[in-house]
Amino acid sequence: MNIEFSGRRHIVAASRVAFEASVDGREVWCSVSLDALNDHFGNAGTSSHALLSTFEGSRVRIEEAARRVLDHNGGQSVELETGDFK
């Protein structure tokens, strides 16, 4: 399965950062929760700026986790939670 991340991202309801992946040429939206950003990446705020800053600083690890889940679920949308990070 060919998975690439586009760099598009935005804040969505429930304080999640959504980001786009391409799975075998098909757009798939993924997201990471506020709890995961707080628990694993040192996020300390709920503003859009804080969330996006934490996401950008942790993008590699977040995309690696999303890639694992996408490989496992056949390329369906992913909602990463704190338990998805080791």
N, C-alpha and C. Protein backbone atom coordinates (compact mmCIF):
# COMPACT_ATOMS: atom_id res chain seq x y z
N MET A 1 0.85 -1.16 0.00
CA MET A 1 0.00 0.00 0.00
C MET A 1 0.90 1.24 0.00
N ASN A 2 0.67 2.17 -0.90
CA ASN A 2 1.44 3.40 -1.00
C ASN A 2 0.74 4.50 -0.21
N ILE A 3 1.42 5.00 0.85
CA ILE A 3 0.83 6.04 1.71
C ILE A 3 1.74 7.25 1.71
N GLU A 4 1.17 8.42 1.41
CA GLU A 4 1.91 9.68 1.44
C GLU A 4 1.06 10.71 2.17
N PHE A 5 1.72 11.67 2.83
CA PHE A 5 1.01 12.72 3.54
C PHE A 5 1.19 14.03 2.80
N SER A 6 0.09 14.78 2.61
CA SER A 6 0.09 15.96 1.74
C SER A 6 0.58 17.22 2.43
N GLY A 7 0.52 17.27 3.75
CA GLY A 7 0.86 18.50 4.44
C GLY A 7 -0.36 19.34 4.77
N ARG A 8 -1.50 19.04 4.17
CA ARG A 8 -2.74 19.76 4.52
C ARG A 8 -3.17 19.33 5.90
N ARG A 9 -3.49 20.32 6.75
CA ARG A 9 -3.97 20.01 8.08
C ARG A 9 -4.82 21.16 8.57
N HIS A 10 -5.73 20.89 9.55
CA HIS A 10 -6.56 21.93 10.14
C HIS A 10 -7.11 21.42 11.46
N ILE A 11 -7.64 22.35 12.25
CA ILE A 11 -8.25 22.01 13.53
C ILE A 11 -9.71 21.64 13.27
N VAL A 12 -10.17 20.59 13.92
CA VAL A 12 -11.57 20.18 13.78
C VAL A 12 -12.21 20.14 15.17
N ALA A 13 -13.50 19.95 15.20
CA ALA A 13 -14.24 19.89 16.46
C ALA A 13 -13.60 18.91 17.42
N ALA A 14 -13.84 19.13 18.69
CA ALA A 14 -13.31 18.27 19.75
C ALA A 14 -11.79 18.38 19.86
N SER A 15 -11.26 19.52 19.43
CA SER A 15 -9.82 19.80 19.56
C SER A 15 -8.95 18.69 18.97
N ARG A 16 -9.20 18.39 17.73
CA ARG A 16 -8.39 17.42 16.99
C ARG A 16 -7.69 18.17 15.87
N VAL A 17 -6.53 17.69 15.50
CA VAL A 17 -5.86 18.20 14.31
C VAL A 17 -6.07 17.15 13.23
N ALA A 18 -6.70 17.56 12.14
CA ALA A 18 -6.93 16.67 11.01
C ALA A 18 -5.83 16.90 9.99
N PHE A 19 -5.41 15.82 9.33
CA PHE A 19 -4.39 15.91 8.29
C PHE A 19 -4.68 14.90 7.21
N GLU A 20 -4.24 15.23 6.02
CA GLU A 20 -4.59 14.45 4.84
C GLU A 20 -3.49 13.47 4.46
N ALA A 21 -3.92 12.28 4.07
CA ALA A 21 -3.00 11.27 3.54
C ALA A 21 -3.52 10.85 2.17
N SER A 22 -2.63 10.36 1.36
CA SER A 22 -3.00 9.76 0.08
C SER A 22 -2.68 8.27 0.18
N VAL A 23 -3.69 7.44 0.03
CA VAL A 23 -3.52 6.00 0.12
C VAL A 23 -3.82 5.42 -1.26
N ASP A 24 -2.78 4.95 -1.92
CA ASP A 24 -2.92 4.43 -3.28
C ASP A 24 -3.65 5.42 -4.18
N GLY A 25 -3.32 6.71 -4.02
CA GLY A 25 -3.88 7.76 -4.86
C GLY A 25 -5.23 8.29 -4.41
N ARG A 26 -5.75 7.78 -3.31
CA ARG A 26 -7.06 8.19 -2.80
C ARG A 26 -6.86 9.04 -1.55
N GLU A 27 -7.53 10.21 -1.47
CA GLU A 27 -7.42 11.07 -0.30
C GLU A 27 -8.14 10.46 0.89
N VAL A 28 -7.44 10.46 2.03
CA VAL A 28 -8.00 9.95 3.28
C VAL A 28 -7.65 10.94 4.37
N TRP A 29 -8.63 11.33 5.17
CA TRP A 29 -8.36 12.24 6.27
C TRP A 29 -8.08 11.45 7.54
N CYS A 30 -7.06 11.92 8.25
CA CYS A 30 -6.66 11.35 9.53
C CYS A 30 -6.76 12.47 10.56
N SER A 31 -6.76 12.11 11.84
CA SER A 31 -6.72 13.13 12.88
C SER A 31 -6.02 12.59 14.11
N VAL A 32 -5.57 13.53 14.93
CA VAL A 32 -4.94 13.18 16.21
C VAL A 32 -5.64 14.00 17.29
N SER A 33 -5.92 13.35 18.42
CA SER A 33 -6.69 13.98 19.49
C SER A 33 -5.87 14.93 20.33
N LEU A 34 -6.58 15.83 21.00
CA LEU A 34 -5.96 16.74 21.96
C LEU A 34 -5.25 15.94 23.05
N ASP A 35 -5.89 14.89 23.56
CA ASP A 35 -5.26 14.07 24.60
C ASP A 35 -3.94 13.48 24.15
N ALA A 36 -3.88 12.98 22.92
CA ALA A 36 -2.63 12.42 22.41
C ALA A 36 -1.56 13.51 22.30
N LEU A 37 -1.95 14.69 21.82
CA LEU A 37 -0.99 15.79 21.71
C LEU A 37 -0.49 16.20 23.10
N ASN A 38 -1.38 16.21 24.08
CA ASN A 38 -0.98 16.55 25.45
C ASN A 38 -0.10 15.48 26.07
N ASP A 39 -0.53 14.22 25.96
CA ASP A 39 0.14 13.11 26.65
C ASP A 39 1.50 12.75 26.06
N HIS A 40 1.66 12.89 24.76
CA HIS A 40 2.87 12.38 24.11
C HIS A 40 3.76 13.44 23.47
N PHE A 41 3.22 14.64 23.25
CA PHE A 41 3.99 15.62 22.49
C PHE A 41 4.13 16.96 23.18
N GLY A 42 3.75 17.05 24.45
CA GLY A 42 3.99 18.25 25.24
C GLY A 42 3.10 19.43 24.93
N ASN A 43 1.96 19.21 24.29
CA ASN A 43 1.05 20.31 24.03
C ASN A 43 0.54 20.87 25.35
N ALA A 44 0.41 22.19 25.41
CA ALA A 44 -0.01 22.82 26.66
C ALA A 44 -1.19 23.78 26.47
N GLY A 45 -1.81 23.79 25.32
CA GLY A 45 -2.91 24.74 25.10
C GLY A 45 -3.98 24.16 24.22
N THR A 46 -5.07 24.93 24.11
CA THR A 46 -6.17 24.47 23.26
C THR A 46 -6.42 25.40 22.08
N SER A 47 -5.60 26.43 21.94
CA SER A 47 -5.77 27.34 20.80
C SER A 47 -5.34 26.64 19.52
N SER A 48 -5.85 27.11 18.41
CA SER A 48 -5.45 26.56 17.11
C SER A 48 -3.95 26.65 16.92
N HIS A 49 -3.37 27.78 17.33
CA HIS A 49 -1.93 27.98 17.20
C HIS A 49 -1.16 26.92 17.99
N ALA A 50 -1.56 26.68 19.25
CA ALA A 50 -0.87 25.69 20.08
C ALA A 50 -0.99 24.29 19.48
N LEU A 51 -2.18 23.93 19.05
CA LEU A 51 -2.39 22.59 18.50
C LEU A 51 -1.58 22.37 17.22
N LEU A 52 -1.63 23.35 16.31
CA LEU A 52 -0.89 23.20 15.06
C LEU A 52 0.61 23.22 15.29
N SER A 53 1.07 24.03 16.23
CA SER A 53 2.49 24.09 16.55
C SER A 53 2.97 22.75 17.09
N THR A 54 2.21 22.17 18.00
CA THR A 54 2.57 20.86 18.54
C THR A 54 2.54 19.80 17.45
N PHE A 55 1.51 19.84 16.62
CA PHE A 55 1.41 18.88 15.52
C PHE A 55 2.63 18.98 14.60
N GLU A 56 2.96 20.19 14.18
CA GLU A 56 4.09 20.38 13.26
C GLU A 56 5.40 19.90 13.88
N GLY A 57 5.58 20.15 15.17
CA GLY A 57 6.80 19.72 15.85
C GLY A 57 6.89 18.22 16.04
N SER A 58 5.77 17.55 15.91
CA SER A 58 5.70 16.10 16.13
C SER A 58 5.21 15.34 14.90
N ARG A 59 5.19 16.02 13.78
CA ARG A 59 4.60 15.46 12.56
C ARG A 59 5.15 14.08 12.20
N VAL A 60 6.45 13.89 12.31
CA VAL A 60 7.04 12.61 11.90
C VAL A 60 6.46 11.45 12.71
N ARG A 61 6.43 11.59 14.03
CA ARG A 61 5.89 10.51 14.88
C ARG A 61 4.39 10.31 14.66
N ILE A 62 3.66 11.41 14.47
CA ILE A 62 2.22 11.31 14.25
C ILE A 62 1.94 10.61 12.92
N GLU A 63 2.66 10.98 11.88
CA GLU A 63 2.46 10.34 10.58
C GLU A 63 2.89 8.87 10.62
N GLU A 64 3.93 8.53 11.38
CA GLU A 64 4.32 7.13 11.52
C GLU A 64 3.20 6.32 12.16
N ALA A 65 2.57 6.87 13.20
CA ALA A 65 1.46 6.17 13.85
C ALA A 65 0.28 6.03 12.89
N ALA A 66 -0.02 7.10 12.16
CA ALA A 66 -1.11 7.04 11.18
C ALA A 66 -0.82 6.00 10.11
N ARG A 67 0.42 5.94 9.66
CA ARG A 67 0.80 4.96 8.64
C ARG A 67 0.56 3.53 9.15
N ARG A 68 0.94 3.26 10.42
CA ARG A 68 0.72 1.92 11.00
C ARG A 68 -0.76 1.57 10.99
N VAL A 69 -1.61 2.53 11.41
CA VAL A 69 -3.04 2.27 11.46
C VAL A 69 -3.61 2.12 10.05
N LEU A 70 -3.19 2.97 9.13
CA LEU A 70 -3.66 2.86 7.74
C LEU A 70 -3.29 1.51 7.13
N ASP A 71 -2.08 1.04 7.40
CA ASP A 71 -1.67 -0.28 6.92
C ASP A 71 -2.55 -1.38 7.51
N HIS A 72 -2.89 -1.21 8.77
CA HIS A 72 -3.69 -2.22 9.48
C HIS A 72 -5.16 -2.20 9.08
N ASN A 73 -5.71 -1.00 8.82
CA ASN A 73 -7.16 -0.92 8.56
C ASN A 73 -7.52 -0.86 7.07
N GLY A 74 -6.55 -1.10 6.22
CA GLY A 74 -6.83 -1.12 4.79
C GLY A 74 -6.98 0.25 4.15
N GLY A 75 -6.43 1.28 4.80
CA GLY A 75 -6.44 2.62 4.21
C GLY A 75 -7.68 3.44 4.48
N GLN A 76 -8.40 3.11 5.56
CA GLN A 76 -9.59 3.87 5.94
C GLN A 76 -9.19 5.05 6.82
N SER A 77 -10.08 6.01 7.01
CA SER A 77 -9.82 7.16 7.87
C SER A 77 -9.30 6.72 9.23
N VAL A 78 -8.44 7.57 9.81
CA VAL A 78 -7.79 7.24 11.08
C VAL A 78 -8.06 8.36 12.08
N GLU A 79 -8.44 8.00 13.29
CA GLU A 79 -8.56 8.95 14.40
C GLU A 79 -7.62 8.48 15.50
N LEU A 80 -6.42 9.07 15.53
CA LEU A 80 -5.40 8.66 16.49
C LEU A 80 -5.75 9.16 17.89
N GLU A 81 -5.63 8.29 18.85
CA GLU A 81 -5.85 8.60 20.26
C GLU A 81 -4.55 8.35 21.01
N THR A 82 -4.53 8.69 22.28
CA THR A 82 -3.31 8.57 23.06
C THR A 82 -2.75 7.15 23.06
N GLY A 83 -3.61 6.14 23.03
CA GLY A 83 -3.17 4.75 23.03
C GLY A 83 -2.49 4.30 21.74
N ASP A 84 -2.55 5.10 20.70
CA ASP A 84 -1.92 4.75 19.43
C ASP A 84 -0.43 5.09 19.41
N PHE A 85 0.06 5.72 20.49
CA PHE A 85 1.47 6.10 20.57
C PHE A 85 2.12 5.32 21.69
N LYS A 86 3.32 4.86 21.43
CA LYS A 86 4.04 4.07 22.44
C LYS A 86 5.08 4.91 23.12
